[in-house]
Amino acid sequence: MKTWWVGNLILFLVVVPAVLTLINRTITPILEIRTHARNILDNVVTLTGKLDDVPEQLAVTDEVVKQVAAGALRYASGADKVAELH
């Protein structure tokens, strides 16, 4: 009967706290990962809402690039003529 008491005492003073510590060390990172995953999901939803204007902005950028290319061509041809005079 005395060995049962010793076994129960060891179980409750050593094994149970060790198991609880290991469970706590496992669940804590899982909960942190869950929080980070929710934050990532919220930010992705916000980001996709801001991407709606991208096609219009790309069209504007395309027009600006065409204007800059035309201006650069005019500048280069003018600079070439100046270089021929000297």
N, C-alpha and C. Protein backbone atom coordinates (compact mmCIF):
# COMPACT_ATOMS: atom_id res chain seq x y z
N MET A 1 0.82 -1.19 0.00
CA MET A 1 0.00 0.00 0.00
C MET A 1 0.87 1.26 0.00
N LYS A 2 2.00 1.16 0.67
CA LYS A 2 2.89 2.31 0.74
C LYS A 2 3.47 2.64 -0.64
N THR A 3 3.72 1.63 -1.47
CA THR A 3 4.27 1.88 -2.80
C THR A 3 3.25 2.60 -3.69
N TRP A 4 1.95 2.33 -3.47
CA TRP A 4 0.93 3.05 -4.24
C TRP A 4 0.96 4.54 -3.89
N TRP A 5 1.13 4.83 -2.64
CA TRP A 5 1.19 6.24 -2.24
C TRP A 5 2.43 6.91 -2.83
N VAL A 6 3.54 6.23 -2.82
CA VAL A 6 4.77 6.78 -3.39
C VAL A 6 4.59 6.97 -4.91
N GLY A 7 4.00 5.99 -5.56
CA GLY A 7 3.76 6.08 -7.00
C GLY A 7 2.82 7.22 -7.35
N ASN A 8 1.75 7.36 -6.59
CA ASN A 8 0.81 8.48 -6.81
C ASN A 8 1.47 9.82 -6.54
N LEU A 9 2.29 9.88 -5.50
CA LEU A 9 2.98 11.12 -5.17
C LEU A 9 3.94 11.52 -6.29
N ILE A 10 4.69 10.55 -6.81
CA ILE A 10 5.60 10.83 -7.93
C ILE A 10 4.80 11.25 -9.16
N LEU A 11 3.69 10.58 -9.39
CA LEU A 11 2.85 10.92 -10.54
C LEU A 11 2.38 12.37 -10.46
N PHE A 12 1.86 12.78 -9.32
CA PHE A 12 1.30 14.12 -9.19
C PHE A 12 2.35 15.21 -9.02
N LEU A 13 3.52 14.88 -8.49
CA LEU A 13 4.54 15.90 -8.27
C LEU A 13 5.56 16.00 -9.40
N VAL A 14 5.69 14.96 -10.21
CA VAL A 14 6.70 14.98 -11.26
C VAL A 14 6.07 14.88 -12.66
N VAL A 15 5.30 13.85 -12.88
CA VAL A 15 4.80 13.57 -14.23
C VAL A 15 3.76 14.59 -14.67
N VAL A 16 2.79 14.87 -13.85
CA VAL A 16 1.72 15.81 -14.23
C VAL A 16 2.28 17.20 -14.50
N PRO A 17 3.13 17.78 -13.65
CA PRO A 17 3.69 19.09 -13.99
C PRO A 17 4.54 19.06 -15.27
N ALA A 18 5.27 17.97 -15.49
CA ALA A 18 6.08 17.88 -16.71
C ALA A 18 5.18 17.84 -17.95
N VAL A 19 4.12 17.08 -17.89
CA VAL A 19 3.19 17.01 -19.02
C VAL A 19 2.52 18.36 -19.25
N LEU A 20 2.10 19.01 -18.19
CA LEU A 20 1.47 20.33 -18.33
C LEU A 20 2.44 21.37 -18.91
N THR A 21 3.71 21.29 -18.49
CA THR A 21 4.71 22.20 -19.03
C THR A 21 4.91 21.97 -20.52
N LEU A 22 5.00 20.71 -20.93
CA LEU A 22 5.17 20.40 -22.35
C LEU A 22 3.96 20.82 -23.17
N ILE A 23 2.77 20.63 -22.64
CA ILE A 23 1.56 21.05 -23.34
C ILE A 23 1.55 22.57 -23.49
N ASN A 24 1.92 23.28 -22.43
CA ASN A 24 1.95 24.74 -22.47
C ASN A 24 2.97 25.23 -23.49
N ARG A 25 4.14 24.58 -23.55
CA ARG A 25 5.17 24.98 -24.49
C ARG A 25 4.78 24.66 -25.92
N THR A 26 3.84 23.77 -26.12
CA THR A 26 3.37 23.44 -27.46
C THR A 26 2.21 24.34 -27.88
N ILE A 27 1.30 24.59 -26.97
CA ILE A 27 0.09 25.36 -27.31
C ILE A 27 0.40 26.85 -27.49
N THR A 28 1.34 27.39 -26.73
CA THR A 28 1.67 28.81 -26.83
C THR A 28 2.12 29.20 -28.24
N PRO A 29 3.08 28.50 -28.85
CA PRO A 29 3.44 28.87 -30.24
C PRO A 29 2.30 28.66 -31.23
N ILE A 30 1.48 27.65 -31.00
CA ILE A 30 0.34 27.41 -31.90
C ILE A 30 -0.62 28.60 -31.86
N LEU A 31 -0.88 29.12 -30.70
CA LEU A 31 -1.78 30.28 -30.58
C LEU A 31 -1.15 31.53 -31.19
N GLU A 32 0.18 31.69 -31.04
CA GLU A 32 0.84 32.83 -31.67
C GLU A 32 0.79 32.73 -33.19
N ILE A 33 0.99 31.53 -33.72
CA ILE A 33 0.91 31.32 -35.17
C ILE A 33 -0.50 31.64 -35.66
N ARG A 34 -1.49 31.24 -34.90
CA ARG A 34 -2.88 31.52 -35.27
C ARG A 34 -3.13 33.02 -35.33
N THR A 35 -2.60 33.76 -34.36
CA THR A 35 -2.77 35.22 -34.34
C THR A 35 -2.09 35.85 -35.54
N HIS A 36 -0.86 35.41 -35.83
CA HIS A 36 -0.14 35.96 -36.99
C HIS A 36 -0.86 35.62 -38.29
N ALA A 37 -1.39 34.43 -38.39
CA ALA A 37 -2.12 34.04 -39.61
C ALA A 37 -3.36 34.91 -39.80
N ARG A 38 -4.05 35.21 -38.72
CA ARG A 38 -5.22 36.10 -38.84
C ARG A 38 -4.81 37.50 -39.28
N ASN A 39 -3.70 38.00 -38.73
CA ASN A 39 -3.22 39.33 -39.12
C ASN A 39 -2.83 39.35 -40.60
N ILE A 40 -2.18 38.28 -41.05
CA ILE A 40 -1.79 38.20 -42.46
C ILE A 40 -3.04 38.19 -43.34
N LEU A 41 -4.03 37.43 -42.96
CA LEU A 41 -5.27 37.36 -43.74
C LEU A 41 -5.95 38.73 -43.81
N ASP A 42 -6.01 39.43 -42.68
CA ASP A 42 -6.62 40.76 -42.67
C ASP A 42 -5.86 41.72 -43.60
N ASN A 43 -4.53 41.67 -43.56
CA ASN A 43 -3.74 42.56 -44.41
C ASN A 43 -3.87 42.20 -45.88
N VAL A 44 -3.99 40.93 -46.19
CA VAL A 44 -4.15 40.52 -47.59
C VAL A 44 -5.49 41.02 -48.12
N VAL A 45 -6.52 40.94 -47.32
CA VAL A 45 -7.83 41.43 -47.75
C VAL A 45 -7.77 42.93 -47.99
N THR A 46 -7.09 43.66 -47.13
CA THR A 46 -6.93 45.10 -47.30
C THR A 46 -6.13 45.40 -48.57
N LEU A 47 -5.08 44.62 -48.80
CA LEU A 47 -4.23 44.85 -49.96
C LEU A 47 -4.97 44.59 -51.26
N THR A 48 -5.75 43.52 -51.32
CA THR A 48 -6.47 43.23 -52.56
C THR A 48 -7.50 44.31 -52.87
N GLY A 49 -8.04 44.96 -51.87
CA GLY A 49 -8.96 46.06 -52.10
C GLY A 49 -8.27 47.25 -52.75
N LYS A 50 -6.99 47.43 -52.47
CA LYS A 50 -6.25 48.55 -53.05
C LYS A 50 -5.74 48.25 -54.45
N LEU A 51 -5.83 47.01 -54.88
CA LEU A 51 -5.36 46.65 -56.21
C LEU A 51 -6.38 46.90 -57.30
N ASP A 52 -7.57 47.34 -56.95
CA ASP A 52 -8.62 47.56 -57.94
C ASP A 52 -8.25 48.68 -58.92
N ASP A 53 -7.48 49.67 -58.47
CA ASP A 53 -7.14 50.82 -59.31
C ASP A 53 -5.91 50.57 -60.19
N VAL A 54 -5.28 49.43 -60.07
CA VAL A 54 -4.03 49.18 -60.79
C VAL A 54 -4.19 49.24 -62.31
N PRO A 55 -5.21 48.64 -62.92
CA PRO A 55 -5.29 48.72 -64.39
C PRO A 55 -5.37 50.16 -64.91
N GLU A 56 -6.13 51.02 -64.24
CA GLU A 56 -6.22 52.41 -64.67
C GLU A 56 -4.87 53.11 -64.50
N GLN A 57 -4.20 52.84 -63.40
CA GLN A 57 -2.90 53.46 -63.18
C GLN A 57 -1.87 52.97 -64.18
N LEU A 58 -1.94 51.70 -64.56
CA LEU A 58 -1.03 51.18 -65.58
C LEU A 58 -1.29 51.82 -66.93
N ALA A 59 -2.55 52.10 -67.24
CA ALA A 59 -2.87 52.77 -68.50
C ALA A 59 -2.27 54.17 -68.52
N VAL A 60 -2.38 54.88 -67.40
CA VAL A 60 -1.79 56.22 -67.30
C VAL A 60 -0.27 56.13 -67.43
N THR A 61 0.32 55.16 -66.78
CA THR A 61 1.77 54.99 -66.86
C THR A 61 2.20 54.69 -68.29
N ASP A 62 1.43 53.88 -68.99
CA ASP A 62 1.75 53.56 -70.38
C ASP A 62 1.73 54.81 -71.24
N GLU A 63 0.74 55.68 -71.05
CA GLU A 63 0.68 56.93 -71.80
C GLU A 63 1.87 57.84 -71.48
N VAL A 64 2.23 57.92 -70.22
CA VAL A 64 3.36 58.77 -69.82
C VAL A 64 4.65 58.24 -70.43
N VAL A 65 4.82 56.93 -70.45
CA VAL A 65 6.02 56.35 -71.05
C VAL A 65 6.08 56.68 -72.54
N LYS A 66 4.97 56.62 -73.24
CA LYS A 66 4.94 56.97 -74.66
C LYS A 66 5.32 58.44 -74.86
N GLN A 67 4.82 59.34 -74.00
CA GLN A 67 5.15 60.75 -74.12
C GLN A 67 6.62 60.99 -73.84
N VAL A 68 7.15 60.33 -72.83
CA VAL A 68 8.56 60.50 -72.50
C VAL A 68 9.43 59.96 -73.64
N ALA A 69 9.04 58.83 -74.21
CA ALA A 69 9.82 58.26 -75.32
C ALA A 69 9.82 59.22 -76.51
N ALA A 70 8.68 59.83 -76.81
CA ALA A 70 8.61 60.79 -77.93
C ALA A 70 9.48 62.00 -77.63
N GLY A 71 9.44 62.49 -76.42
CA GLY A 71 10.27 63.64 -76.04
C GLY A 71 11.75 63.29 -76.07
N ALA A 72 12.10 62.10 -75.64
CA ALA A 72 13.50 61.69 -75.67
C ALA A 72 13.99 61.56 -77.10
N LEU A 73 13.13 61.09 -77.99
CA LEU A 73 13.51 60.98 -79.41
C LEU A 73 13.72 62.36 -80.02
N ARG A 74 12.84 63.31 -79.70
CA ARG A 74 13.01 64.69 -80.19
C ARG A 74 14.30 65.30 -79.66
N TYR A 75 14.56 65.08 -78.38
CA TYR A 75 15.79 65.61 -77.77
C TYR A 75 17.02 65.01 -78.42
N ALA A 76 16.99 63.71 -78.64
CA ALA A 76 18.15 63.04 -79.23
C ALA A 76 18.40 63.52 -80.65
N SER A 77 17.34 63.70 -81.41
CA SER A 77 17.52 64.18 -82.79
C SER A 77 18.03 65.62 -82.79
N GLY A 78 17.54 66.44 -81.86
CA GLY A 78 18.03 67.82 -81.76
C GLY A 78 19.48 67.86 -81.31
N ALA A 79 19.84 67.02 -80.38
CA ALA A 79 21.22 66.98 -79.90
C ALA A 79 22.14 66.47 -81.01
N ASP A 80 21.65 65.58 -81.84
CA ASP A 80 22.44 65.06 -82.96
C ASP A 80 22.71 66.18 -83.98
N LYS A 81 21.71 67.02 -84.23
CA LYS A 81 21.90 68.13 -85.16
C LYS A 81 22.89 69.13 -84.62
N VAL A 82 22.83 69.41 -83.32
CA VAL A 82 23.77 70.34 -82.69
C VAL A 82 25.18 69.77 -82.78
N ALA A 83 25.32 68.47 -82.58
CA ALA A 83 26.63 67.84 -82.64
C ALA A 83 27.20 67.91 -84.06
N GLU A 84 26.34 67.85 -85.10
CA GLU A 84 26.80 67.93 -86.48
C GLU A 84 27.29 69.32 -86.81
N LEU A 85 26.72 70.36 -86.18
CA LEU A 85 27.13 71.74 -86.46
C LEU A 85 28.52 72.03 -85.89
N HIS A 86 28.94 71.35 -84.88
CA HIS A 86 30.22 71.65 -84.24
C HIS A 86 31.27 70.77 -84.72
